[in-house]
Amino acid sequence: MRPRANKLFTLVCVPHAGGGASSFHPWQRHLPARVELRVVQLPGREERWREPLVRRLEPACDALAHAIEAEIDGPYAIFGHSMGALVAYELVRTLRRRAQPLPMRLFVSARAAPHAPIVTRAHTLPDDELRATIVHHGGTAHAILEDDAFGAALLRVIRADFELSETYAHAPEAPLDIPLSVYGATLDRLVPPGRLDGWRQHARDFSLRIFEGDHFYVRTQGTSVVHSILQELAADSRAAARSA
């Protein structure tokens, strides 16, 4: 997507496990004309389906940090959902270690704090059990996963993404200096609201908001989520202007 003239800022979104860039395209209609939407497209999905899947977080963040340096000009914010929240958090830490410009604010959604123990090993399950797990989580319909060609390809992507997430080991660093907004949903069985407060220790400026819905509330509550993002970033801009 080409940068827009006179844009206010860029909103970079990172999808959930198995998700592609198209999962955030509906947000475009909720954004002002001067806000540019850029969505991370990890290898192995949609137009990058021929590329090898990424199964570890560090190389993914290295590649994304390079892309941000090369492609994002001016102020930006990052929003990551579920697995994307973990990617977004580690991406910001990668940018900080490289002394690259940081986002105005980091938004993480439907993901337990990065230091929380990871007890699932879904990526090691046989195909049938993995399909059942995915359907139970509510992200993909059973009929899609049972499709001989598309379903098999999608299962490989989700398995790789689960492996990326489930092999992650958190390394302590200083809390983030940028504001951190944590979003969740009332009916999320994977990450209940009570598991979100742990993010507090990873930033000096922390806020928490709970929306109506389940783990994939960003689909049904897109208007409210985008409105909240814009409100928080507008408040940040006003605070920066007052302190200038």
C-alpha atoms as a PDB file:
ATOM      1  CA  MET A   1       0.000   0.000   0.000  1.00  0.00           C
ATOM      2  CA  ARG A   2       1.406   3.386  -0.989  1.00  0.00           C
ATOM      3  CA  PRO A   3       1.909   6.005   1.742  1.00  0.00           C
ATOM      4  CA  ARG A   4      -0.794   8.672   1.740  1.00  0.00           C
ATOM      5  CA  ALA A   5       0.006  12.328   1.221  1.00  0.00           C
ATOM      6  CA  ASN A   6      -0.280  14.487   4.350  1.00  0.00           C
ATOM      7  CA  LYS A   7      -0.915  11.487   6.568  1.00  0.00           C
ATOM      8  CA  LEU A   8      -1.187  11.916  10.324  1.00  0.00           C
ATOM      9  CA  PHE A   9       0.397   8.584  11.190  1.00  0.00           C
ATOM     10  CA  THR A  10       0.651   4.948  10.123  1.00  0.00           C
ATOM     11  CA  LEU A  11      -1.145   2.155  11.973  1.00  0.00           C
ATOM     12  CA  VAL A  12       0.800  -1.109  11.652  1.00  0.00           C
ATOM     13  CA  CYS A  13      -1.265  -4.230  12.476  1.00  0.00           C
ATOM     14  CA  VAL A  14      -0.002  -7.758  13.158  1.00  0.00           C
ATOM     15  CA  PRO A  15      -2.550 -10.592  12.692  1.00  0.00           C
ATOM     16  CA  HIS A  16      -3.315 -13.641  14.820  1.00  0.00           C
ATOM     17  CA  ALA A  17      -1.928 -17.141  14.198  1.00  0.00           C
ATOM     18  CA  GLY A  18      -2.888 -18.267  10.709  1.00  0.00           C
ATOM     19  CA  GLY A  19      -4.117 -14.798   9.798  1.00  0.00           C
ATOM     20  CA  GLY A  20      -3.063 -12.782   6.785  1.00  0.00           C
ATOM     21  CA  ALA A  21      -3.078  -9.095   5.980  1.00  0.00           C
ATOM     22  CA  SER A  22      -6.653  -9.280   4.703  1.00  0.00           C
ATOM     23  CA  SER A  23      -7.903  -9.929   8.251  1.00  0.00           C
ATOM     24  CA  PHE A  24      -7.420  -6.230   9.039  1.00  0.00           C
ATOM     25  CA  HIS A  25      -8.616  -4.763   5.740  1.00  0.00           C
ATOM     26  CA  PRO A  26     -12.151  -4.110   7.125  1.00  0.00           C
ATOM     27  CA  TRP A  27     -10.577  -1.622   9.536  1.00  0.00           C
ATOM     28  CA  GLN A  28      -9.728   0.676   6.636  1.00  0.00           C
ATOM     29  CA  ARG A  29     -13.295   1.990   6.396  1.00  0.00           C
ATOM     30  CA  HIS A  30     -13.204   3.028  10.066  1.00  0.00           C
ATOM     31  CA  LEU A  31      -9.984   5.044   9.740  1.00  0.00           C
ATOM     32  CA  PRO A  32      -9.753   8.722   8.767  1.00  0.00           C
ATOM     33  CA  ALA A  33      -8.407   9.418   5.293  1.00  0.00           C
ATOM     34  CA  ARG A  34      -5.144  10.726   6.735  1.00  0.00           C
ATOM     35  CA  VAL A  35      -4.348   7.552   8.683  1.00  0.00           C
ATOM     36  CA  GLU A  36      -2.465   4.935   6.704  1.00  0.00           C
ATOM     37  CA  LEU A  37      -3.122   1.254   7.462  1.00  0.00           C
ATOM     38  CA  ARG A  38      -0.251  -1.165   6.958  1.00  0.00           C
ATOM     39  CA  VAL A  39      -0.731  -4.837   7.854  1.00  0.00           C
ATOM     40  CA  VAL A  40       2.109  -7.291   8.418  1.00  0.00           C
ATOM     41  CA  GLN A  41       2.070 -10.191   5.967  1.00  0.00           C
ATOM     42  CA  LEU A  42       4.205 -13.003   7.315  1.00  0.00           C
ATOM     43  CA  PRO A  43       5.593 -15.541   4.821  1.00  0.00           C
ATOM     44  CA  GLY A  44       3.484 -18.510   3.759  1.00  0.00           C
ATOM     45  CA  ARG A  45       0.064 -16.832   3.431  1.00  0.00           C
ATOM     46  CA  GLU A  46      -1.943 -14.968   0.812  1.00  0.00           C
ATOM     47  CA  GLU A  47       0.381 -13.424  -1.805  1.00  0.00           C
ATOM     48  CA  ARG A  48       3.446 -14.758   0.075  1.00  0.00           C
ATOM     49  CA  TRP A  49       2.151 -18.353   0.132  1.00  0.00           C
ATOM     50  CA  ARG A  50       5.162 -19.710  -1.773  1.00  0.00           C
ATOM     51  CA  GLU A  51       7.671 -18.422   0.812  1.00  0.00           C
ATOM     52  CA  PRO A  52       8.994 -20.638   3.632  1.00  0.00           C
ATOM     53  CA  LEU A  53       7.097 -20.357   6.893  1.00  0.00           C
ATOM     54  CA  VAL A  54       8.755 -18.684   9.884  1.00  0.00           C
ATOM     55  CA  ARG A  55       8.773 -20.865  13.000  1.00  0.00           C
ATOM     56  CA  ARG A  56      10.775 -18.714  15.413  1.00  0.00           C
ATOM     57  CA  LEU A  57      10.081 -15.211  16.660  1.00  0.00           C
ATOM     58  CA  GLU A  58      13.551 -13.680  16.454  1.00  0.00           C
ATOM     59  CA  PRO A  59      13.988 -13.886  12.658  1.00  0.00           C
ATOM     60  CA  ALA A  60      10.432 -12.647  12.176  1.00  0.00           C
ATOM     61  CA  CYS A  61      11.119  -9.567  14.303  1.00  0.00           C
ATOM     62  CA  ASP A  62      14.450  -8.939  12.612  1.00  0.00           C
ATOM     63  CA  ALA A  63      12.752  -8.899   9.205  1.00  0.00           C
ATOM     64  CA  LEU A  64       9.920  -6.684  10.437  1.00  0.00           C
ATOM     65  CA  ALA A  65      12.306  -4.204  12.054  1.00  0.00           C
ATOM     66  CA  HIS A  66      14.131  -3.898   8.741  1.00  0.00           C
ATOM     67  CA  ALA A  67      10.828  -3.390   6.902  1.00  0.00           C
ATOM     68  CA  ILE A  68       9.728  -0.653   9.306  1.00  0.00           C
ATOM     69  CA  GLU A  69      13.018   1.162   8.924  1.00  0.00           C
ATOM     70  CA  ALA A  70      12.759   0.975   5.137  1.00  0.00           C
ATOM     71  CA  GLU A  71       9.032   1.574   4.610  1.00  0.00           C
ATOM     72  CA  ILE A  72       7.521   3.560   7.494  1.00  0.00           C
ATOM     73  CA  ASP A  73       8.073   7.288   7.430  1.00  0.00           C
ATOM     74  CA  GLY A  74       6.850   9.560  10.188  1.00  0.00           C
ATOM     75  CA  PRO A  75       4.843   8.735  13.315  1.00  0.00           C
ATOM     76  CA  TYR A  76       3.335   5.263  13.655  1.00  0.00           C
ATOM     77  CA  ALA A  77       1.654   2.936  16.128  1.00  0.00           C
ATOM     78  CA  ILE A  78       1.565  -0.878  16.294  1.00  0.00           C
ATOM     79  CA  PHE A  79      -1.431  -3.100  17.068  1.00  0.00           C
ATOM     80  CA  GLY A  80      -1.032  -6.858  17.467  1.00  0.00           C
ATOM     81  CA  HIS A  81      -3.788  -9.409  18.096  1.00  0.00           C
ATOM     82  CA  SER A  82      -3.244 -12.769  19.848  1.00  0.00           C
ATOM     83  CA  MET A  83      -0.012 -14.196  18.417  1.00  0.00           C
ATOM     84  CA  GLY A  84       0.375 -10.821  16.717  1.00  0.00           C
ATOM     85  CA  ALA A  85       0.500  -9.165  20.145  1.00  0.00           C
ATOM     86  CA  LEU A  86       3.580 -11.196  21.033  1.00  0.00           C
ATOM     87  CA  VAL A  87       5.179 -10.392  17.674  1.00  0.00           C
ATOM     88  CA  ALA A  88       4.378  -6.692  18.114  1.00  0.00           C
ATOM     89  CA  TYR A  89       5.845  -6.587  21.630  1.00  0.00           C
ATOM     90  CA  GLU A  90       9.093  -8.292  20.620  1.00  0.00           C
ATOM     91  CA  LEU A  91       9.262  -6.149  17.489  1.00  0.00           C
ATOM     92  CA  VAL A  92       9.243  -2.997  19.623  1.00  0.00           C
ATOM     93  CA  ARG A  93      12.013  -4.432  21.802  1.00  0.00           C
ATOM     94  CA  THR A  94      13.992  -5.279  18.658  1.00  0.00           C
ATOM     95  CA  LEU A  95      13.551  -1.721  17.393  1.00  0.00           C
ATOM     96  CA  ARG A  96      14.722  -0.375  20.746  1.00  0.00           C
ATOM     97  CA  ARG A  97      17.860  -2.521  20.732  1.00  0.00           C
ATOM     98  CA  ARG A  98      18.637  -1.244  17.247  1.00  0.00           C
ATOM     99  CA  ALA A  99      18.032   2.374  18.295  1.00  0.00           C
ATOM    100  CA  GLN A 100      15.383   2.722  15.564  1.00  0.00           C
ATOM    101  CA  PRO A 101      12.455   5.126  15.963  1.00  0.00           C
ATOM    102  CA  LEU A 102       9.802   3.595  18.210  1.00  0.00           C
ATOM    103  CA  PRO A 103       6.030   3.727  17.706  1.00  0.00           C
ATOM    104  CA  MET A 104       3.977   6.357  19.489  1.00  0.00           C
ATOM    105  CA  ARG A 105       2.110   3.607  21.339  1.00  0.00           C
ATOM    106  CA  LEU A 106       1.962  -0.192  21.362  1.00  0.00           C
ATOM    107  CA  PHE A 107      -1.428  -1.928  21.408  1.00  0.00           C
ATOM    108  CA  VAL A 108      -1.524  -5.612  22.378  1.00  0.00           C
ATOM    109  CA  SER A 109      -4.726  -7.624  22.219  1.00  0.00           C
ATOM    110  CA  ALA A 110      -5.968 -11.003  23.490  1.00  0.00           C
ATOM    111  CA  ARG A 111      -2.604 -12.273  24.637  1.00  0.00           C
ATOM    112  CA  ALA A 112      -1.297 -13.084  28.114  1.00  0.00           C
ATOM    113  CA  ALA A 113       1.750 -11.155  29.309  1.00  0.00           C
ATOM    114  CA  PRO A 114       4.994 -12.296  27.651  1.00  0.00           C
ATOM    115  CA  HIS A 115       6.557 -13.533  30.889  1.00  0.00           C
ATOM    116  CA  ALA A 116       3.611 -15.858  31.610  1.00  0.00           C
ATOM    117  CA  PRO A 117       4.508 -19.560  31.265  1.00  0.00           C
ATOM    118  CA  ILE A 118       3.532 -21.137  27.953  1.00  0.00           C
ATOM    119  CA  VAL A 119       2.014 -24.506  28.762  1.00  0.00           C
ATOM    120  CA  THR A 120       0.384 -25.414  25.426  1.00  0.00           C
ATOM    121  CA  ARG A 121       2.139 -27.398  22.706  1.00  0.00           C
ATOM    122  CA  ALA A 122      -0.576 -27.381  20.066  1.00  0.00           C
ATOM    123  CA  HIS A 123       2.002 -27.311  17.276  1.00  0.00           C
ATOM    124  CA  THR A 124       2.997 -30.894  18.165  1.00  0.00           C
ATOM    125  CA  LEU A 125      -0.550 -32.306  17.899  1.00  0.00           C
ATOM    126  CA  PRO A 126      -1.588 -34.699  15.110  1.00  0.00           C
ATOM    127  CA  ASP A 127      -3.533 -33.002  12.316  1.00  0.00           C
ATOM    128  CA  ASP A 128      -6.972 -34.130  13.505  1.00  0.00           C
ATOM    129  CA  GLU A 129      -6.372 -32.904  17.045  1.00  0.00           C
ATOM    130  CA  LEU A 130      -4.916 -29.636  15.818  1.00  0.00           C
ATOM    131  CA  ARG A 131      -7.979 -29.037  13.622  1.00  0.00           C
ATOM    132  CA  ALA A 132     -10.266 -29.694  16.580  1.00  0.00           C
ATOM    133  CA  THR A 133      -8.250 -27.278  18.738  1.00  0.00           C
ATOM    134  CA  ILE A 134      -8.452 -24.527  16.119  1.00  0.00           C
ATOM    135  CA  VAL A 135     -12.202 -24.946  15.658  1.00  0.00           C
ATOM    136  CA  HIS A 136     -12.692 -24.913  19.439  1.00  0.00           C
ATOM    137  CA  HIS A 137     -10.833 -21.597  19.624  1.00  0.00           C
ATOM    138  CA  GLY A 138     -13.295 -20.170  17.101  1.00  0.00           C
ATOM    139  CA  GLY A 139     -10.840 -18.814  14.560  1.00  0.00           C
ATOM    140  CA  THR A 140     -11.625 -21.076  11.604  1.00  0.00           C
ATOM    141  CA  ALA A 141     -14.636 -23.114  10.548  1.00  0.00           C
ATOM    142  CA  HIS A 142     -14.268 -26.896  10.494  1.00  0.00           C
ATOM    143  CA  ALA A 143     -15.366 -27.086   6.841  1.00  0.00           C
ATOM    144  CA  ILE A 144     -12.480 -24.828   5.768  1.00  0.00           C
ATOM    145  CA  LEU A 145      -9.888 -26.921   7.575  1.00  0.00           C
ATOM    146  CA  GLU A 146     -11.302 -30.115   6.046  1.00  0.00           C
ATOM    147  CA  ASP A 147     -10.844 -28.820   2.502  1.00  0.00           C
ATOM    148  CA  ASP A 148      -8.233 -31.060   0.852  1.00  0.00           C
ATOM    149  CA  ALA A 149      -6.052 -28.311  -0.613  1.00  0.00           C
ATOM    150  CA  PHE A 150      -6.812 -25.024   1.126  1.00  0.00           C
ATOM    151  CA  GLY A 151      -7.416 -26.633   4.521  1.00  0.00           C
ATOM    152  CA  ALA A 152      -4.123 -28.514   4.447  1.00  0.00           C
ATOM    153  CA  ALA A 153      -2.208 -25.361   3.510  1.00  0.00           C
ATOM    154  CA  LEU A 154      -3.915 -23.333   6.230  1.00  0.00           C
ATOM    155  CA  LEU A 155      -3.181 -26.021   8.807  1.00  0.00           C
ATOM    156  CA  ARG A 156       0.529 -25.849   7.954  1.00  0.00           C
ATOM    157  CA  VAL A 157       0.489 -22.074   8.442  1.00  0.00           C
ATOM    158  CA  ILE A 158      -1.318 -22.290  11.776  1.00  0.00           C
ATOM    159  CA  ARG A 159       0.972 -25.067  13.005  1.00  0.00           C
ATOM    160  CA  ALA A 160       4.036 -22.954  12.169  1.00  0.00           C
ATOM    161  CA  ASP A 161       2.533 -19.914  13.894  1.00  0.00           C
ATOM    162  CA  PHE A 162       1.707 -21.962  16.993  1.00  0.00           C
ATOM    163  CA  GLU A 163       5.290 -23.211  17.017  1.00  0.00           C
ATOM    164  CA  LEU A 164       6.584 -19.631  16.786  1.00  0.00           C
ATOM    165  CA  SER A 165       4.426 -18.687  19.762  1.00  0.00           C
ATOM    166  CA  GLU A 166       4.875 -21.806  21.869  1.00  0.00           C
ATOM    167  CA  THR A 167       8.680 -21.932  21.586  1.00  0.00           C
ATOM    168  CA  TYR A 168       9.033 -18.320  22.721  1.00  0.00           C
ATOM    169  CA  ALA A 169      11.088 -17.704  25.844  1.00  0.00           C
ATOM    170  CA  HIS A 170      10.846 -14.275  27.417  1.00  0.00           C
ATOM    171  CA  ALA A 171      14.133 -12.510  28.179  1.00  0.00           C
ATOM    172  CA  PRO A 172      13.821  -9.759  30.834  1.00  0.00           C
ATOM    173  CA  GLU A 173      14.610  -6.221  29.711  1.00  0.00           C
ATOM    174  CA  ALA A 174      13.748  -2.764  30.971  1.00  0.00           C
ATOM    175  CA  PRO A 175      10.048  -1.829  30.689  1.00  0.00           C
ATOM    176  CA  LEU A 176       9.033  -0.029  27.518  1.00  0.00           C
ATOM    177  CA  ASP A 177       9.248   3.747  27.578  1.00  0.00           C
ATOM    178  CA  ILE A 178       6.356   4.118  25.149  1.00  0.00           C
ATOM    179  CA  PRO A 179       2.721   3.809  26.286  1.00  0.00           C
ATOM    180  CA  LEU A 180       1.277   0.289  26.261  1.00  0.00           C
ATOM    181  CA  SER A 181      -2.448  -0.311  25.724  1.00  0.00           C
ATOM    182  CA  VAL A 182      -3.753  -3.791  26.473  1.00  0.00           C
ATOM    183  CA  TYR A 183      -7.093  -4.859  24.989  1.00  0.00           C
ATOM    184  CA  GLY A 184      -9.166  -7.947  25.749  1.00  0.00           C
ATOM    185  CA  ALA A 185     -12.700  -9.306  25.630  1.00  0.00           C
ATOM    186  CA  THR A 186     -15.288 -10.314  28.195  1.00  0.00           C
ATOM    187  CA  LEU A 187     -15.908 -13.819  26.810  1.00  0.00           C
ATOM    188  CA  ASP A 188     -12.382 -14.726  25.731  1.00  0.00           C
ATOM    189  CA  ARG A 189     -11.849 -18.294  26.955  1.00  0.00           C
ATOM    190  CA  LEU A 190      -8.247 -18.425  25.739  1.00  0.00           C
ATOM    191  CA  VAL A 191      -7.134 -15.236  27.469  1.00  0.00           C
ATOM    192  CA  PRO A 192      -9.684 -14.181  30.102  1.00  0.00           C
ATOM    193  CA  PRO A 193      -9.512 -10.527  31.194  1.00  0.00           C
ATOM    194  CA  GLY A 194      -7.856 -11.523  34.467  1.00  0.00           C
ATOM    195  CA  ARG A 195      -4.762 -12.693  32.605  1.00  0.00           C
ATOM    196  CA  LEU A 196      -4.146  -9.332  30.956  1.00  0.00           C
ATOM    197  CA  ASP A 197      -3.014  -7.277  33.937  1.00  0.00           C
ATOM    198  CA  GLY A 198       0.386  -9.006  33.872  1.00  0.00           C
ATOM    199  CA  TRP A 199       1.364  -6.729  30.994  1.00  0.00           C
ATOM    200  CA  ARG A 200       1.551  -3.902  33.533  1.00  0.00           C
ATOM    201  CA  GLN A 201       5.156  -4.709  34.437  1.00  0.00           C
ATOM    202  CA  HIS A 202       6.338  -4.353  30.830  1.00  0.00           C
ATOM    203  CA  ALA A 203       5.710  -0.630  30.395  1.00  0.00           C
ATOM    204  CA  ARG A 204       5.913   2.499  32.504  1.00  0.00           C
ATOM    205  CA  ASP A 205       2.646   3.791  30.992  1.00  0.00           C
ATOM    206  CA  PHE A 206       0.004   1.043  31.018  1.00  0.00           C
ATOM    207  CA  SER A 207      -3.727   0.996  30.273  1.00  0.00           C
ATOM    208  CA  LEU A 208      -6.283  -1.809  30.002  1.00  0.00           C
ATOM    209  CA  ARG A 209      -9.608  -1.904  28.156  1.00  0.00           C
ATOM    210  CA  ILE A 210     -12.074  -4.775  27.876  1.00  0.00           C
ATOM    211  CA  PHE A 211     -14.521  -5.063  24.948  1.00  0.00           C
ATOM    212  CA  GLU A 212     -17.595  -7.230  24.509  1.00  0.00           C
ATOM    213  CA  GLY A 213     -16.953 -10.474  22.647  1.00  0.00           C
ATOM    214  CA  ASP A 214     -14.763 -13.559  22.458  1.00  0.00           C
ATOM    215  CA  HIS A 215     -11.135 -14.128  21.454  1.00  0.00           C
ATOM    216  CA  PHE A 216     -11.824 -12.740  17.995  1.00  0.00           C
ATOM    217  CA  TYR A 217     -13.712  -9.662  19.181  1.00  0.00           C
ATOM    218  CA  VAL A 218     -11.631  -7.512  16.792  1.00  0.00           C
ATOM    219  CA  ARG A 219     -13.868  -8.844  13.994  1.00  0.00           C
ATOM    220  CA  THR A 220     -17.186  -8.005  15.623  1.00  0.00           C
ATOM    221  CA  GLN A 221     -16.068  -4.881  17.500  1.00  0.00           C
ATOM    222  CA  GLY A 222     -13.855  -3.387  14.799  1.00  0.00           C
ATOM    223  CA  THR A 223     -15.522   0.030  14.908  1.00  0.00           C
ATOM    224  CA  SER A 224     -15.135   0.312  18.689  1.00  0.00           C
ATOM    225  CA  VAL A 225     -11.563  -0.946  18.678  1.00  0.00           C
ATOM    226  CA  VAL A 226     -10.439   1.465  15.970  1.00  0.00           C
ATOM    227  CA  HIS A 227     -12.253   4.318  17.731  1.00  0.00           C
ATOM    228  CA  SER A 228     -10.411   3.487  20.966  1.00  0.00           C
ATOM    229  CA  ILE A 229      -7.055   3.382  19.173  1.00  0.00           C
ATOM    230  CA  LEU A 230      -7.688   6.773  17.587  1.00  0.00           C
ATOM    231  CA  GLN A 231      -8.825   8.265  20.904  1.00  0.00           C
ATOM    232  CA  GLU A 232      -5.699   7.136  22.728  1.00  0.00           C
ATOM    233  CA  LEU A 233      -3.373   8.349  19.990  1.00  0.00           C
ATOM    234  CA  ALA A 234      -5.150  11.718  19.856  1.00  0.00           C
ATOM    235  CA  ALA A 235      -4.703  12.064  23.613  1.00  0.00           C
ATOM    236  CA  ASP A 236      -1.013  11.240  23.227  1.00  0.00           C
ATOM    237  CA  SER A 237      -0.679  13.942  20.583  1.00  0.00           C
ATOM    238  CA  ARG A 238      -2.374  16.545  22.772  1.00  0.00           C
ATOM    239  CA  ALA A 239      -0.143  15.645  25.719  1.00  0.00           C
ATOM    240  CA  ALA A 240       2.966  15.904  23.520  1.00  0.00           C
ATOM    241  CA  ALA A 241       1.848  19.313  22.252  1.00  0.00           C
ATOM    242  CA  ARG A 242       1.302  20.607  25.810  1.00  0.00           C
ATOM    243  CA  SER A 243       4.765  19.486  26.905  1.00  0.00           C
ATOM    244  CA  ALA A 244       6.537  20.869  23.821  1.00  0.00           C
END
